[in-house]
Amino acid sequence: MFEKVTNNVEDIQENLDAYLKNSLEYYKLDFYKKTTKSFMAILRVLLLGSIALLLLFFASLAVAYLIGEAYGNISYGLFFVAGFYLIVFILVWILLRKPLERFVLKQTSKIFFNDL
């Protein structure tokens, strides 16, 4: 009888060790999956964002040059474009700060919490 109890305790210990090992492996894989998804999302945003910024930069220079030519001084065009971007920045900061924060939280929570 005592030997049977001892065997059961040993089986329980072996099962517990296997469970803990499998759980650890699962969480390692889950962490790897989530970090890979996050890294790919960041990489995609950086790549597309840098291309968009280059496009915006050269388009802004072209518009500034056209405006400067119209007013007879290139610096007027550059100041006009800079003022436009300042106004856009202030409006985005005031009006879209909270909605952008909510959007980012929702997107990251999809990656980290919906895969469980």
Protein backbone atom coordinates (compact mmCIF):
# COMPACT_ATOMS: atom_id res chain seq x y z
CA MET A 1 0.00 0.00 0.00
CA PHE A 2 2.78 2.42 0.94
CA GLU A 3 4.57 1.55 -2.30
CA LYS A 4 1.44 2.35 -4.32
CA VAL A 5 1.17 5.79 -2.67
CA THR A 6 4.86 6.40 -3.31
CA ASN A 7 4.42 5.51 -7.00
CA ASN A 8 1.42 7.85 -7.26
CA VAL A 9 3.39 10.69 -5.68
CA GLU A 10 6.27 10.04 -8.10
CA ASP A 11 3.82 10.04 -11.04
CA ILE A 12 2.32 13.29 -9.83
CA GLN A 13 5.80 14.81 -9.56
CA GLU A 14 6.70 13.64 -13.08
CA ASN A 15 3.42 14.98 -14.49
CA LEU A 16 3.92 18.29 -12.72
CA ASP A 17 7.47 18.59 -14.07
CA ALA A 18 6.26 17.82 -17.61
CA TYR A 19 3.42 20.33 -17.26
CA LEU A 20 5.75 23.07 -16.05
CA LYS A 21 8.23 22.34 -18.83
CA ASN A 22 5.48 22.40 -21.48
CA SER A 23 4.00 25.59 -20.03
CA LEU A 24 7.40 27.25 -20.10
CA GLU A 25 7.89 26.22 -23.74
CA TYR A 26 4.42 27.49 -24.64
CA TYR A 27 5.04 30.89 -23.08
CA LYS A 28 8.43 31.12 -24.78
CA LEU A 29 6.80 30.49 -28.16
CA ASP A 30 3.97 32.88 -27.37
CA PHE A 31 6.46 35.60 -26.40
CA TYR A 32 8.45 34.97 -29.58
CA LYS A 33 5.31 35.22 -31.71
CA LYS A 34 4.18 38.46 -30.10
CA THR A 35 7.60 40.11 -30.24
CA THR A 36 7.99 39.10 -33.88
CA LYS A 37 4.58 40.58 -34.73
CA SER A 38 5.46 43.77 -32.87
CA PHE A 39 8.84 44.03 -34.55
CA MET A 40 7.31 43.53 -37.99
CA ALA A 41 4.67 46.20 -37.30
CA ILE A 42 7.35 48.66 -36.18
CA LEU A 43 9.52 47.83 -39.18
CA ARG A 44 6.59 48.30 -41.56
CA VAL A 45 5.71 51.67 -40.03
CA LEU A 46 9.33 52.83 -40.14
CA LEU A 47 9.80 51.77 -43.75
CA LEU A 48 6.54 53.23 -45.06
CA GLY A 49 6.92 56.30 -42.86
CA SER A 50 10.40 57.05 -44.13
CA ILE A 51 9.25 56.74 -47.75
CA ALA A 52 6.26 58.99 -47.01
CA LEU A 53 8.51 61.54 -45.29
CA LEU A 54 10.87 61.65 -48.27
CA LEU A 55 7.92 62.17 -50.58
CA LEU A 56 6.52 64.91 -48.34
CA PHE A 57 9.93 66.57 -48.07
CA PHE A 58 10.47 66.84 -51.81
CA ALA A 59 6.86 67.85 -52.47
CA SER A 60 7.21 70.57 -49.81
CA LEU A 61 10.38 71.85 -51.40
CA ALA A 62 8.66 71.98 -54.78
CA VAL A 63 5.65 73.85 -53.37
CA ALA A 64 7.92 76.22 -51.46
CA TYR A 65 9.91 76.91 -54.61
CA LEU A 66 6.72 77.60 -56.60
CA ILE A 67 5.37 79.95 -53.94
CA GLY A 68 8.74 81.67 -53.66
CA GLU A 69 8.89 82.16 -57.42
CA ALA A 70 5.40 83.68 -57.36
CA TYR A 71 6.41 86.18 -54.66
CA GLY A 72 9.86 86.82 -56.06
CA ASN A 73 11.84 85.37 -53.14
CA ILE A 74 12.38 81.66 -52.40
CA SER A 75 12.58 82.26 -48.65
CA TYR A 76 8.96 83.48 -48.65
CA GLY A 77 7.88 80.12 -50.01
CA LEU A 78 9.92 78.26 -47.41
CA PHE A 79 8.45 80.37 -44.60
CA PHE A 80 4.94 79.80 -45.94
CA VAL A 81 5.40 76.02 -46.07
CA ALA A 82 7.00 76.00 -42.59
CA GLY A 83 4.07 78.01 -41.22
CA PHE A 84 1.62 75.59 -42.82
CA TYR A 85 3.36 72.64 -41.15
CA LEU A 86 3.41 74.46 -37.83
CA ILE A 87 -0.36 74.99 -38.02
CA VAL A 88 -0.90 71.34 -38.98
CA PHE A 89 1.31 70.23 -36.08
CA ILE A 90 -0.60 72.34 -33.57
CA LEU A 91 -3.97 71.10 -34.85
CA VAL A 92 -2.87 67.46 -34.72
CA TRP A 93 -1.45 67.94 -31.24
CA ILE A 94 -4.64 69.54 -29.95
CA LEU A 95 -7.29 67.55 -31.78
CA LEU A 96 -5.82 64.11 -32.45
CA ARG A 97 -3.60 63.36 -29.46
CA LYS A 98 -6.16 61.31 -27.53
CA PRO A 99 -7.69 59.51 -30.56
CA LEU A 100 -4.20 58.52 -31.75
CA GLU A 101 -3.37 57.24 -28.28
CA ARG A 102 -6.54 55.14 -28.21
CA PHE A 103 -5.80 53.80 -31.70
CA VAL A 104 -2.28 52.73 -30.74
CA LEU A 105 -3.53 51.08 -27.54
CA LYS A 106 -6.18 49.14 -29.46
CA GLN A 107 -3.73 47.97 -32.11
CA THR A 108 -1.09 46.84 -29.62
CA SER A 109 -3.67 45.14 -27.41
CA LYS A 110 -4.80 43.11 -30.44
CA ILE A 111 -1.26 41.82 -30.83
CA PHE A 112 -0.65 41.06 -27.16
CA PHE A 113 -4.02 39.99 -25.76
CA ASN A 114 -6.26 38.57 -28.51
CA ASP A 115 -3.99 35.63 -29.31
CA LEU A 116 -4.50 33.90 -25.98
